[in-house]
Amino acid sequence: MKISYYSSVVEIQKELGYRAKSARIDKQLTQEGLAAQAGVSPKTVSNLETGKDVSFKTVIEVLRALGFLQNMDLLLPEQIIRPSQLAEMGKKRERAPRQKKEKDHADWTWGDEK
Protein backbone atom coordinates (compact mmCIF):
# COMPACT_ATOMS: atom_id res chain seq x y z
CA MET A 1 0.00 0.00 0.00
CA LYS A 2 1.22 3.48 -0.76
CA ILE A 3 0.92 5.89 2.15
CA SER A 4 -0.82 9.08 1.13
CA TYR A 5 -2.30 12.19 2.65
CA TYR A 6 -5.68 10.45 2.71
CA SER A 7 -4.47 7.33 4.54
CA SER A 8 -5.89 6.99 8.03
CA VAL A 9 -3.58 6.80 11.04
CA VAL A 10 -4.52 3.15 11.54
CA GLU A 11 -3.73 2.34 7.89
CA ILE A 12 -0.37 4.08 8.16
CA GLN A 13 0.50 2.26 11.40
CA LYS A 14 -0.38 -1.11 9.82
CA GLU A 15 1.61 -0.34 6.67
CA LEU A 16 4.67 0.79 8.64
CA GLY A 17 4.37 -2.33 10.79
CA TYR A 18 4.19 -4.52 7.69
CA ARG A 19 7.26 -2.77 6.25
CA ALA A 20 9.18 -3.17 9.53
CA LYS A 21 8.30 -6.87 9.63
CA SER A 22 9.38 -7.33 5.99
CA ALA A 23 12.70 -5.58 6.69
CA ARG A 24 13.24 -7.73 9.79
CA ILE A 25 12.58 -10.94 7.88
CA ASP A 26 14.78 -9.76 5.00
CA LYS A 27 17.63 -9.30 7.49
CA GLN A 28 16.91 -12.78 8.85
CA LEU A 29 16.13 -11.52 12.35
CA THR A 30 13.60 -12.90 14.77
CA GLN A 31 11.42 -10.54 16.78
CA GLU A 32 13.54 -11.41 19.79
CA GLY A 33 16.76 -10.63 17.91
CA LEU A 34 15.46 -7.30 16.65
CA ALA A 35 14.16 -6.46 20.11
CA ALA A 36 17.60 -7.15 21.61
CA GLN A 37 19.33 -4.95 19.02
CA ALA A 38 16.79 -2.14 19.46
CA GLY A 39 16.77 -2.34 23.25
CA VAL A 40 13.03 -3.00 23.47
CA SER A 41 10.93 -6.00 24.40
CA PRO A 42 9.81 -8.62 21.87
CA LYS A 43 6.20 -7.65 22.68
CA THR A 44 7.00 -4.06 21.62
CA VAL A 45 8.37 -5.31 18.29
CA SER A 46 5.22 -7.40 17.87
CA ASN A 47 3.04 -4.37 18.63
CA LEU A 48 4.94 -2.29 16.07
CA GLU A 49 4.62 -4.98 13.39
CA THR A 50 0.88 -5.38 13.94
CA GLY A 51 0.23 -1.65 13.72
CA LYS A 52 -0.48 -1.02 17.38
CA ASP A 53 0.57 2.19 19.13
CA VAL A 54 4.22 2.34 20.12
CA SER A 55 6.32 5.29 21.16
CA PHE A 56 8.22 7.36 18.64
CA LYS A 57 11.39 6.47 20.54
CA THR A 58 10.66 2.80 19.84
CA VAL A 59 10.21 3.49 16.13
CA ILE A 60 13.57 5.31 16.09
CA GLU A 61 15.37 2.46 17.88
CA VAL A 62 13.86 -0.18 15.58
CA LEU A 63 14.77 1.86 12.50
CA ARG A 64 18.32 2.16 13.85
CA ALA A 65 18.53 -1.60 14.46
CA LEU A 66 17.20 -2.31 10.94
CA GLY A 67 19.65 0.16 9.36
CA PHE A 68 17.02 2.65 8.19
CA LEU A 69 17.61 5.53 10.59
CA GLN A 70 19.25 7.66 7.88
CA ASN A 71 15.85 7.73 6.14
CA MET A 72 14.48 9.90 8.96
CA ASP A 73 15.95 12.89 7.10
CA LEU A 74 13.33 12.29 4.42
CA LEU A 75 10.54 12.38 6.99
CA LEU A 76 11.17 15.98 8.00
CA PRO A 77 13.91 17.58 5.94
CA GLU A 78 16.00 20.34 7.47
CA GLN A 79 14.52 23.72 6.63
CA ILE A 80 16.98 26.04 4.94
CA ILE A 81 16.33 29.76 5.05
CA ARG A 82 16.31 31.40 1.64
CA PRO A 83 18.24 34.67 1.12
CA SER A 84 14.96 36.50 0.52
CA GLN A 85 13.71 35.36 3.93
CA LEU A 86 16.90 36.64 5.56
CA ALA A 87 16.36 40.04 3.95
CA GLU A 88 12.81 40.15 5.30
CA MET A 89 14.12 39.35 8.77
CA GLY A 90 16.38 42.38 8.63
CA LYS A 91 19.69 40.55 8.73
CA LYS A 92 22.67 42.75 7.97
CA ARG A 93 24.43 42.26 4.69
CA GLU A 94 27.60 40.25 4.93
CA ARG A 95 29.22 41.62 1.80
CA ALA A 96 29.49 45.13 0.49
CA PRO A 97 28.62 45.72 -3.15
CA ARG A 98 31.42 46.30 -5.59
CA GLN A 99 32.22 49.91 -6.19
CA LYS A 100 32.04 50.95 -9.79
CA LYS A 101 35.21 52.43 -11.20
CA GLU A 102 34.76 55.76 -12.86
CA LYS A 103 36.13 55.73 -16.36
CA ASP A 104 38.13 58.69 -17.53
CA HIS A 105 36.75 59.58 -20.95
CA ALA A 106 38.97 62.65 -21.42
CA ASP A 107 41.28 61.05 -24.01
CA TRP A 108 38.55 59.23 -25.86
CA THR A 109 37.44 60.60 -29.21
CA TRP A 110 35.03 59.67 -31.94
CA GLY A 111 37.73 59.90 -34.51
CA ASP A 112 35.97 62.49 -36.68
CA GLU A 113 37.42 65.50 -34.93
CA LYS A 114 39.58 67.87 -37.02
C-alpha atoms as a PDB file:
ATOM      1  CA  MET A   1       0.000   0.000   0.000  1.00  0.00           C
ATOM      2  CA  LYS A   2       1.220   3.479  -0.762  1.00  0.00           C
ATOM      3  CA  ILE A   3       0.925   5.886   2.150  1.00  0.00           C
ATOM      4  CA  SER A   4      -0.816   9.076   1.130  1.00  0.00           C
ATOM      5  CA  TYR A   5      -2.296  12.194   2.650  1.00  0.00           C
ATOM      6  CA  TYR A   6      -5.681  10.447   2.708  1.00  0.00           C
ATOM      7  CA  SER A   7      -4.473   7.329   4.543  1.00  0.00           C
ATOM      8  CA  SER A   8      -5.889   6.990   8.028  1.00  0.00           C
ATOM      9  CA  VAL A   9      -3.577   6.804  11.037  1.00  0.00           C
ATOM     10  CA  VAL A  10      -4.523   3.149  11.538  1.00  0.00           C
ATOM     11  CA  GLU A  11      -3.731   2.340   7.891  1.00  0.00           C
ATOM     12  CA  ILE A  12      -0.367   4.076   8.163  1.00  0.00           C
ATOM     13  CA  GLN A  13       0.503   2.256  11.398  1.00  0.00           C
ATOM     14  CA  LYS A  14      -0.383  -1.107   9.819  1.00  0.00           C
ATOM     15  CA  GLU A  15       1.606  -0.339   6.670  1.00  0.00           C
ATOM     16  CA  LEU A  16       4.674   0.795   8.636  1.00  0.00           C
ATOM     17  CA  GLY A  17       4.367  -2.330  10.788  1.00  0.00           C
ATOM     18  CA  TYR A  18       4.193  -4.516   7.688  1.00  0.00           C
ATOM     19  CA  ARG A  19       7.264  -2.775   6.248  1.00  0.00           C
ATOM     20  CA  ALA A  20       9.185  -3.169   9.526  1.00  0.00           C
ATOM     21  CA  LYS A  21       8.303  -6.871   9.625  1.00  0.00           C
ATOM     22  CA  SER A  22       9.380  -7.331   5.992  1.00  0.00           C
ATOM     23  CA  ALA A  23      12.699  -5.580   6.690  1.00  0.00           C
ATOM     24  CA  ARG A  24      13.242  -7.728   9.792  1.00  0.00           C
ATOM     25  CA  ILE A  25      12.583 -10.943   7.883  1.00  0.00           C
ATOM     26  CA  ASP A  26      14.777  -9.762   4.998  1.00  0.00           C
ATOM     27  CA  LYS A  27      17.631  -9.296   7.491  1.00  0.00           C
ATOM     28  CA  GLN A  28      16.908 -12.780   8.854  1.00  0.00           C
ATOM     29  CA  LEU A  29      16.133 -11.519  12.346  1.00  0.00           C
ATOM     30  CA  THR A  30      13.597 -12.895  14.769  1.00  0.00           C
ATOM     31  CA  GLN A  31      11.417 -10.542  16.785  1.00  0.00           C
ATOM     32  CA  GLU A  32      13.542 -11.405  19.792  1.00  0.00           C
ATOM     33  CA  GLY A  33      16.759 -10.634  17.906  1.00  0.00           C
ATOM     34  CA  LEU A  34      15.463  -7.305  16.650  1.00  0.00           C
ATOM     35  CA  ALA A  35      14.163  -6.461  20.110  1.00  0.00           C
ATOM     36  CA  ALA A  36      17.601  -7.146  21.614  1.00  0.00           C
ATOM     37  CA  GLN A  37      19.332  -4.948  19.018  1.00  0.00           C
ATOM     38  CA  ALA A  38      16.792  -2.141  19.460  1.00  0.00           C
ATOM     39  CA  GLY A  39      16.768  -2.340  23.251  1.00  0.00           C
ATOM     40  CA  VAL A  40      13.027  -3.001  23.465  1.00  0.00           C
ATOM     41  CA  SER A  41      10.926  -5.996  24.395  1.00  0.00           C
ATOM     42  CA  PRO A  42       9.812  -8.624  21.867  1.00  0.00           C
ATOM     43  CA  LYS A  43       6.202  -7.652  22.684  1.00  0.00           C
ATOM     44  CA  THR A  44       7.002  -4.057  21.619  1.00  0.00           C
ATOM     45  CA  VAL A  45       8.371  -5.311  18.288  1.00  0.00           C
ATOM     46  CA  SER A  46       5.223  -7.400  17.871  1.00  0.00           C
ATOM     47  CA  ASN A  47       3.042  -4.371  18.629  1.00  0.00           C
ATOM     48  CA  LEU A  48       4.941  -2.294  16.067  1.00  0.00           C
ATOM     49  CA  GLU A  49       4.623  -4.981  13.395  1.00  0.00           C
ATOM     50  CA  THR A  50       0.879  -5.383  13.941  1.00  0.00           C
ATOM     51  CA  GLY A  51       0.234  -1.650  13.725  1.00  0.00           C
ATOM     52  CA  LYS A  52      -0.482  -1.016  17.382  1.00  0.00           C
ATOM     53  CA  ASP A  53       0.567   2.190  19.132  1.00  0.00           C
ATOM     54  CA  VAL A  54       4.218   2.343  20.116  1.00  0.00           C
ATOM     55  CA  SER A  55       6.321   5.292  21.164  1.00  0.00           C
ATOM     56  CA  PHE A  56       8.219   7.360  18.642  1.00  0.00           C
ATOM     57  CA  LYS A  57      11.394   6.471  20.543  1.00  0.00           C
ATOM     58  CA  THR A  58      10.656   2.804  19.840  1.00  0.00           C
ATOM     59  CA  VAL A  59      10.215   3.489  16.130  1.00  0.00           C
ATOM     60  CA  ILE A  60      13.574   5.309  16.087  1.00  0.00           C
ATOM     61  CA  GLU A  61      15.367   2.459  17.884  1.00  0.00           C
ATOM     62  CA  VAL A  62      13.857  -0.181  15.583  1.00  0.00           C
ATOM     63  CA  LEU A  63      14.766   1.856  12.503  1.00  0.00           C
ATOM     64  CA  ARG A  64      18.320   2.164  13.848  1.00  0.00           C
ATOM     65  CA  ALA A  65      18.529  -1.598  14.455  1.00  0.00           C
ATOM     66  CA  LEU A  66      17.204  -2.308  10.940  1.00  0.00           C
ATOM     67  CA  GLY A  67      19.652   0.160   9.364  1.00  0.00           C
ATOM     68  CA  PHE A  68      17.023   2.647   8.187  1.00  0.00           C
ATOM     69  CA  LEU A  69      17.613   5.529  10.593  1.00  0.00           C
ATOM     70  CA  GLN A  70      19.249   7.655   7.877  1.00  0.00           C
ATOM     71  CA  ASN A  71      15.848   7.727   6.145  1.00  0.00           C
ATOM     72  CA  MET A  72      14.484   9.903   8.962  1.00  0.00           C
ATOM     73  CA  ASP A  73      15.951  12.891   7.101  1.00  0.00           C
ATOM     74  CA  LEU A  74      13.331  12.288   4.425  1.00  0.00           C
ATOM     75  CA  LEU A  75      10.536  12.384   6.994  1.00  0.00           C
ATOM     76  CA  LEU A  76      11.169  15.984   8.003  1.00  0.00           C
ATOM     77  CA  PRO A  77      13.914  17.577   5.942  1.00  0.00           C
ATOM     78  CA  GLU A  78      16.004  20.336   7.471  1.00  0.00           C
ATOM     79  CA  GLN A  79      14.521  23.718   6.635  1.00  0.00           C
ATOM     80  CA  ILE A  80      16.979  26.036   4.942  1.00  0.00           C
ATOM     81  CA  ILE A  81      16.326  29.760   5.049  1.00  0.00           C
ATOM     82  CA  ARG A  82      16.312  31.397   1.640  1.00  0.00           C
ATOM     83  CA  PRO A  83      18.235  34.666   1.124  1.00  0.00           C
ATOM     84  CA  SER A  84      14.956  36.504   0.524  1.00  0.00           C
ATOM     85  CA  GLN A  85      13.711  35.355   3.926  1.00  0.00           C
ATOM     86  CA  LEU A  86      16.900  36.640   5.559  1.00  0.00           C
ATOM     87  CA  ALA A  87      16.356  40.040   3.950  1.00  0.00           C
ATOM     88  CA  GLU A  88      12.811  40.151   5.305  1.00  0.00           C
ATOM     89  CA  MET A  89      14.121  39.348   8.769  1.00  0.00           C
ATOM     90  CA  GLY A  90      16.382  42.382   8.628  1.00  0.00           C
ATOM     91  CA  LYS A  91      19.689  40.547   8.728  1.00  0.00           C
ATOM     92  CA  LYS A  92      22.669  42.747   7.973  1.00  0.00           C
ATOM     93  CA  ARG A  93      24.426  42.257   4.685  1.00  0.00           C
ATOM     94  CA  GLU A  94      27.599  40.246   4.928  1.00  0.00           C
ATOM     95  CA  ARG A  95      29.221  41.620   1.798  1.00  0.00           C
ATOM     96  CA  ALA A  96      29.488  45.128   0.492  1.00  0.00           C
ATOM     97  CA  PRO A  97      28.619  45.719  -3.148  1.00  0.00           C
ATOM     98  CA  ARG A  98      31.424  46.302  -5.594  1.00  0.00           C
ATOM     99  CA  GLN A  99      32.218  49.910  -6.192  1.00  0.00           C
ATOM    100  CA  LYS A 100      32.043  50.955  -9.792  1.00  0.00           C
ATOM    101  CA  LYS A 101      35.205  52.435 -11.201  1.00  0.00           C
ATOM    102  CA  GLU A 102      34.757  55.755 -12.855  1.00  0.00           C
ATOM    103  CA  LYS A 103      36.125  55.732 -16.358  1.00  0.00           C
ATOM    104  CA  ASP A 104      38.128  58.686 -17.534  1.00  0.00           C
ATOM    105  CA  HIS A 105      36.746  59.577 -20.952  1.00  0.00           C
ATOM    106  CA  ALA A 106      38.971  62.647 -21.417  1.00  0.00           C
ATOM    107  CA  ASP A 107      41.281  61.047 -24.009  1.00  0.00           C
ATOM    108  CA  TRP A 108      38.550  59.232 -25.860  1.00  0.00           C
ATOM    109  CA  THR A 109      37.445  60.598 -29.215  1.00  0.00           C
ATOM    110  CA  TRP A 110      35.026  59.675 -31.937  1.00  0.00           C
ATOM    111  CA  GLY A 111      37.732  59.896 -34.507  1.00  0.00           C
ATOM    112  CA  ASP A 112      35.966  62.485 -36.682  1.00  0.00           C
ATOM    113  CA  GLU A 113      37.423  65.500 -34.930  1.00  0.00           C
ATOM    114  CA  LYS A 114      39.577  67.874 -37.019  1.00  0.00           C
END
